[in-house]
Amino acid sequence: MTVACALALTLGMTSCGAVGLVGAVYTDHTTPAAVTSNELGTKVGQAEALSVLGIAAVGDAGIQKAAKQAGITKISHVDKKVFSVLGLFTKVTYTVYGE
């Protein structure tokens, strides 16, 4: 039983690293999400979604929404920002760059 619990814990902790950077208490980082061959544009759009207590999640953090908000038709790249405190409050923001 102890070996099974240790194995489950190890596998669970390993999978978190594959998902992205996660701080147990505090997370605030930006990572690249997508890139195209289009040149860097002057327009920037953002879209975000929020989660509270891991119970309710709301918002539209879609790339399409962010691009439309800024009038972008040619996306050059997309960044993803994650902010979380104790996993009780989490905000994910996608920033789209392009022309």
N, C-alpha and C. Protein backbone atom coordinates (compact mmCIF):
# COMPACT_ATOMS: atom_id res chain seq x y z
N MET A 1 0.82 -1.20 0.00
CA MET A 1 0.00 0.00 0.00
C MET A 1 0.87 1.27 0.00
N THR A 2 1.93 1.26 0.80
CA THR A 2 2.81 2.42 0.88
C THR A 2 3.50 2.67 -0.46
N VAL A 3 3.92 1.61 -1.12
CA VAL A 3 4.58 1.75 -2.42
C VAL A 3 3.61 2.33 -3.45
N ALA A 4 2.36 1.87 -3.43
CA ALA A 4 1.35 2.37 -4.36
C ALA A 4 1.10 3.86 -4.13
N CYS A 5 1.03 4.27 -2.88
CA CYS A 5 0.82 5.69 -2.57
C CYS A 5 2.01 6.53 -3.02
N ALA A 6 3.22 6.04 -2.79
CA ALA A 6 4.42 6.77 -3.20
C ALA A 6 4.47 6.89 -4.72
N LEU A 7 4.11 5.82 -5.44
CA LEU A 7 4.10 5.84 -6.89
C LEU A 7 3.06 6.83 -7.42
N ALA A 8 1.86 6.82 -6.84
CA ALA A 8 0.80 7.74 -7.25
C ALA A 8 1.23 9.19 -7.01
N LEU A 9 1.84 9.46 -5.87
CA LEU A 9 2.31 10.81 -5.56
C LEU A 9 3.39 11.25 -6.54
N THR A 10 4.32 10.37 -6.85
CA THR A 10 5.40 10.69 -7.78
C THR A 10 4.85 10.97 -9.18
N LEU A 11 3.95 10.14 -9.66
CA LEU A 11 3.36 10.36 -10.97
C LEU A 11 2.55 11.65 -11.00
N GLY A 12 1.83 11.93 -9.95
CA GLY A 12 1.03 13.15 -9.88
C GLY A 12 1.89 14.39 -9.92
N MET A 13 3.01 14.38 -9.23
CA MET A 13 3.89 15.53 -9.21
C MET A 13 4.61 15.69 -10.54
N THR A 14 4.90 14.60 -11.20
CA THR A 14 5.58 14.65 -12.50
C THR A 14 4.69 15.29 -13.54
N SER A 15 3.41 14.97 -13.52
CA SER A 15 2.50 15.50 -14.54
C SER A 15 2.35 17.01 -14.42
N CYS A 16 2.47 17.56 -13.25
CA CYS A 16 2.35 19.01 -13.08
C CYS A 16 3.43 19.75 -13.85
N GLY A 17 4.63 19.19 -13.90
CA GLY A 17 5.71 19.82 -14.64
C GLY A 17 5.45 19.85 -16.13
N ALA A 18 4.71 18.87 -16.61
CA ALA A 18 4.42 18.81 -18.04
C ALA A 18 3.38 19.85 -18.44
N VAL A 19 2.52 20.24 -17.51
CA VAL A 19 1.45 21.19 -17.80
C VAL A 19 2.01 22.61 -17.91
N GLY A 20 2.96 22.94 -17.11
CA GLY A 20 3.54 24.28 -17.13
C GLY A 20 4.11 24.61 -15.77
N LEU A 21 4.63 25.79 -15.64
CA LEU A 21 5.18 26.21 -14.35
C LEU A 21 4.04 26.44 -13.37
N VAL A 22 4.15 25.81 -12.21
CA VAL A 22 3.11 25.97 -11.19
C VAL A 22 3.78 26.12 -9.84
N GLY A 23 3.49 27.22 -9.15
CA GLY A 23 3.97 27.41 -7.79
C GLY A 23 2.87 26.98 -6.83
N ALA A 24 3.20 26.23 -5.81
CA ALA A 24 2.19 25.74 -4.87
C ALA A 24 1.51 26.90 -4.15
N VAL A 25 2.23 27.96 -3.87
CA VAL A 25 1.67 29.10 -3.14
C VAL A 25 1.37 30.27 -4.07
N TYR A 26 2.28 30.56 -4.98
CA TYR A 26 2.15 31.75 -5.83
C TYR A 26 2.72 31.47 -7.22
N THR A 27 1.98 31.85 -8.23
CA THR A 27 2.44 31.71 -9.61
C THR A 27 2.20 33.02 -10.34
N ASP A 28 3.19 33.52 -11.05
CA ASP A 28 3.05 34.72 -11.87
C ASP A 28 4.12 34.66 -12.95
N HIS A 29 3.76 34.12 -14.11
CA HIS A 29 4.74 33.98 -15.18
C HIS A 29 4.08 34.11 -16.55
N THR A 30 4.91 34.40 -17.53
CA THR A 30 4.47 34.49 -18.92
C THR A 30 5.31 33.54 -19.75
N THR A 31 4.64 32.77 -20.61
CA THR A 31 5.33 31.83 -21.48
C THR A 31 4.80 31.97 -22.90
N PRO A 32 5.59 31.58 -23.90
CA PRO A 32 5.09 31.63 -25.27
C PRO A 32 4.03 30.54 -25.47
N ALA A 33 3.00 30.87 -26.25
CA ALA A 33 1.93 29.91 -26.51
C ALA A 33 1.88 29.51 -27.98
N ALA A 34 2.22 30.43 -28.89
CA ALA A 34 2.17 30.13 -30.32
C ALA A 34 3.00 31.15 -31.07
N VAL A 35 3.44 30.75 -32.26
CA VAL A 35 4.21 31.65 -33.12
C VAL A 35 3.91 31.31 -34.58
N THR A 36 3.94 32.34 -35.42
CA THR A 36 3.74 32.14 -36.85
C THR A 36 4.92 32.75 -37.60
N SER A 37 4.89 32.68 -38.92
CA SER A 37 5.96 33.27 -39.72
C SER A 37 5.67 34.73 -40.06
N ASN A 38 4.53 35.26 -39.60
CA ASN A 38 4.19 36.66 -39.86
C ASN A 38 5.12 37.58 -39.08
N GLU A 39 5.38 38.76 -39.64
CA GLU A 39 6.24 39.73 -38.97
C GLU A 39 5.54 40.30 -37.74
N LEU A 40 6.35 40.75 -36.76
CA LEU A 40 5.82 41.35 -35.55
C LEU A 40 5.02 42.60 -35.91
N GLY A 41 3.78 42.66 -35.45
CA GLY A 41 2.93 43.80 -35.75
C GLY A 41 2.91 44.81 -34.63
N THR A 42 2.13 45.87 -34.83
CA THR A 42 2.03 46.93 -33.84
C THR A 42 0.79 46.81 -32.96
N LYS A 43 -0.09 45.87 -33.30
CA LYS A 43 -1.33 45.72 -32.54
C LYS A 43 -1.18 44.63 -31.48
N VAL A 44 -1.86 44.85 -30.33
CA VAL A 44 -1.82 43.90 -29.22
C VAL A 44 -3.23 43.74 -28.67
N GLY A 45 -3.68 42.50 -28.54
CA GLY A 45 -4.99 42.23 -27.97
C GLY A 45 -4.87 41.23 -26.84
N GLN A 46 -5.79 41.32 -25.86
CA GLN A 46 -5.76 40.40 -24.72
C GLN A 46 -7.15 39.82 -24.45
N ALA A 47 -7.15 38.60 -23.92
CA ALA A 47 -8.38 37.95 -23.48
C ALA A 47 -8.02 37.15 -22.24
N GLU A 48 -8.95 37.08 -21.27
CA GLU A 48 -8.63 36.40 -20.03
C GLU A 48 -9.80 35.60 -19.48
N ALA A 49 -9.46 34.66 -18.61
CA ALA A 49 -10.45 33.85 -17.90
C ALA A 49 -10.00 33.74 -16.44
N LEU A 50 -10.97 33.60 -15.55
CA LEU A 50 -10.69 33.54 -14.11
C LEU A 50 -11.27 32.27 -13.51
N SER A 51 -10.61 31.78 -12.47
CA SER A 51 -11.12 30.65 -11.70
C SER A 51 -11.05 31.01 -10.23
N VAL A 52 -12.12 30.72 -9.51
CA VAL A 52 -12.17 31.01 -8.08
C VAL A 52 -12.42 29.72 -7.31
N LEU A 53 -11.53 29.42 -6.40
CA LEU A 53 -11.60 28.24 -5.54
C LEU A 53 -11.60 26.92 -6.31
N GLY A 54 -11.28 26.97 -7.58
CA GLY A 54 -11.33 25.76 -8.38
C GLY A 54 -12.75 25.25 -8.57
N ILE A 55 -13.72 26.06 -8.17
CA ILE A 55 -15.13 25.67 -8.25
C ILE A 55 -15.80 26.29 -9.46
N ALA A 56 -15.52 27.56 -9.69
CA ALA A 56 -16.15 28.28 -10.80
C ALA A 56 -15.07 28.92 -11.67
N ALA A 57 -15.25 28.79 -12.97
CA ALA A 57 -14.33 29.41 -13.92
C ALA A 57 -15.16 30.15 -14.96
N VAL A 58 -14.78 31.40 -15.24
CA VAL A 58 -15.53 32.23 -16.19
C VAL A 58 -14.56 32.99 -17.08
N GLY A 59 -15.07 33.37 -18.25
CA GLY A 59 -14.28 34.20 -19.15
C GLY A 59 -14.01 33.51 -20.47
N ASP A 60 -13.53 34.29 -21.40
CA ASP A 60 -13.16 33.80 -22.72
C ASP A 60 -11.72 34.22 -22.97
N ALA A 61 -10.81 33.30 -22.78
CA ALA A 61 -9.39 33.60 -22.98
C ALA A 61 -8.93 33.13 -24.35
N GLY A 62 -9.85 33.09 -25.31
CA GLY A 62 -9.52 32.60 -26.64
C GLY A 62 -8.65 33.55 -27.44
N ILE A 63 -7.81 32.97 -28.27
CA ILE A 63 -6.94 33.74 -29.15
C ILE A 63 -7.77 34.56 -30.13
N GLN A 64 -8.85 33.96 -30.62
CA GLN A 64 -9.72 34.67 -31.57
C GLN A 64 -10.31 35.92 -30.93
N LYS A 65 -10.73 35.82 -29.68
CA LYS A 65 -11.30 36.99 -28.99
C LYS A 65 -10.24 38.08 -28.84
N ALA A 66 -9.04 37.71 -28.44
CA ALA A 66 -7.96 38.69 -28.26
C ALA A 66 -7.61 39.37 -29.58
N ALA A 67 -7.55 38.59 -30.66
CA ALA A 67 -7.22 39.17 -31.97
C ALA A 67 -8.33 40.11 -32.43
N LYS A 68 -9.56 39.71 -32.27
CA LYS A 68 -10.69 40.53 -32.69
C LYS A 68 -10.75 41.84 -31.89
N GLN A 69 -10.46 41.75 -30.61
CA GLN A 69 -10.48 42.92 -29.72
C GLN A 69 -9.51 44.00 -30.20
N ALA A 70 -8.40 43.57 -30.80
CA ALA A 70 -7.38 44.52 -31.26
C ALA A 70 -7.42 44.75 -32.77
N GLY A 71 -8.33 44.09 -33.46
CA GLY A 71 -8.40 44.24 -34.90
C GLY A 71 -7.25 43.56 -35.63
N ILE A 72 -6.75 42.48 -35.07
CA ILE A 72 -5.62 41.76 -35.67
C ILE A 72 -6.15 40.71 -36.65
N THR A 73 -5.61 40.73 -37.87
CA THR A 73 -5.97 39.72 -38.86
C THR A 73 -4.79 38.81 -39.20
N LYS A 74 -3.57 39.28 -38.92
CA LYS A 74 -2.36 38.47 -39.12
C LYS A 74 -1.62 38.37 -37.79
N ILE A 75 -1.72 37.22 -37.13
CA ILE A 75 -1.10 37.02 -35.83
C ILE A 75 0.37 36.67 -36.01
N SER A 76 1.25 37.33 -35.23
CA SER A 76 2.68 37.00 -35.28
C SER A 76 3.04 36.02 -34.16
N HIS A 77 2.55 36.28 -32.95
CA HIS A 77 2.79 35.35 -31.85
C HIS A 77 1.80 35.59 -30.72
N VAL A 78 1.75 34.62 -29.80
CA VAL A 78 0.82 34.66 -28.68
C VAL A 78 1.58 34.30 -27.41
N ASP A 79 1.37 35.07 -26.34
CA ASP A 79 1.94 34.77 -25.03
C ASP A 79 0.81 34.39 -24.07
N LYS A 80 1.13 33.53 -23.12
CA LYS A 80 0.18 33.12 -22.09
C LYS A 80 0.72 33.53 -20.73
N LYS A 81 -0.08 34.27 -19.97
CA LYS A 81 0.31 34.69 -18.62
C LYS A 81 -0.60 34.00 -17.62
N VAL A 82 0.00 33.41 -16.58
CA VAL A 82 -0.76 32.74 -15.53
C VAL A 82 -0.44 33.41 -14.20
N PHE A 83 -1.49 33.78 -13.49
CA PHE A 83 -1.35 34.35 -12.14
C PHE A 83 -2.23 33.53 -11.22
N SER A 84 -1.66 33.03 -10.12
CA SER A 84 -2.43 32.21 -9.20
C SER A 84 -1.92 32.39 -7.78
N VAL A 85 -2.86 32.39 -6.83
CA VAL A 85 -2.51 32.45 -5.42
C VAL A 85 -3.16 31.25 -4.73
N LEU A 86 -2.31 30.34 -4.26
CA LEU A 86 -2.75 29.14 -3.56
C LEU A 86 -3.73 28.28 -4.35
N GLY A 87 -3.83 28.52 -5.62
CA GLY A 87 -4.80 27.79 -6.43
C GLY A 87 -6.23 28.20 -6.12
N LEU A 88 -6.40 29.16 -5.23
CA LEU A 88 -7.74 29.63 -4.86
C LEU A 88 -8.26 30.65 -5.86
N PHE A 89 -7.34 31.44 -6.40
CA PHE A 89 -7.68 32.42 -7.43
C PHE A 89 -6.67 32.28 -8.55
N THR A 90 -7.16 32.07 -9.75
CA THR A 90 -6.27 31.93 -10.90
C THR A 90 -6.80 32.77 -12.06
N LYS A 91 -5.89 33.49 -12.72
CA LYS A 91 -6.24 34.26 -13.91
C LYS A 91 -5.28 33.86 -15.03
N VAL A 92 -5.85 33.51 -16.18
CA VAL A 92 -5.06 33.18 -17.36
C VAL A 92 -5.35 34.23 -18.43
N THR A 93 -4.30 34.85 -18.96
CA THR A 93 -4.44 35.89 -19.97
C THR A 93 -3.62 35.52 -21.20
N TYR A 94 -4.27 35.55 -22.38
CA TYR A 94 -3.56 35.37 -23.64
C TYR A 94 -3.39 36.72 -24.28
N THR A 95 -2.15 37.04 -24.68
CA THR A 95 -1.83 38.28 -25.36
C THR A 95 -1.44 37.94 -26.79
N VAL A 96 -2.15 38.54 -27.75
CA VAL A 96 -1.93 38.26 -29.17
C VAL A 96 -1.28 39.48 -29.80
N TYR A 97 -0.22 39.25 -30.57
CA TYR A 97 0.50 40.32 -31.26
C TYR A 97 0.35 40.13 -32.77
N GLY A 98 0.20 41.22 -33.50
CA GLY A 98 0.11 41.08 -34.94
C GLY A 98 -0.29 42.37 -35.64
N GLU A 99 -0.79 42.21 -36.84
CA GLU A 99 -1.20 43.35 -37.67
C GLU A 99 -2.62 43.15 -38.13
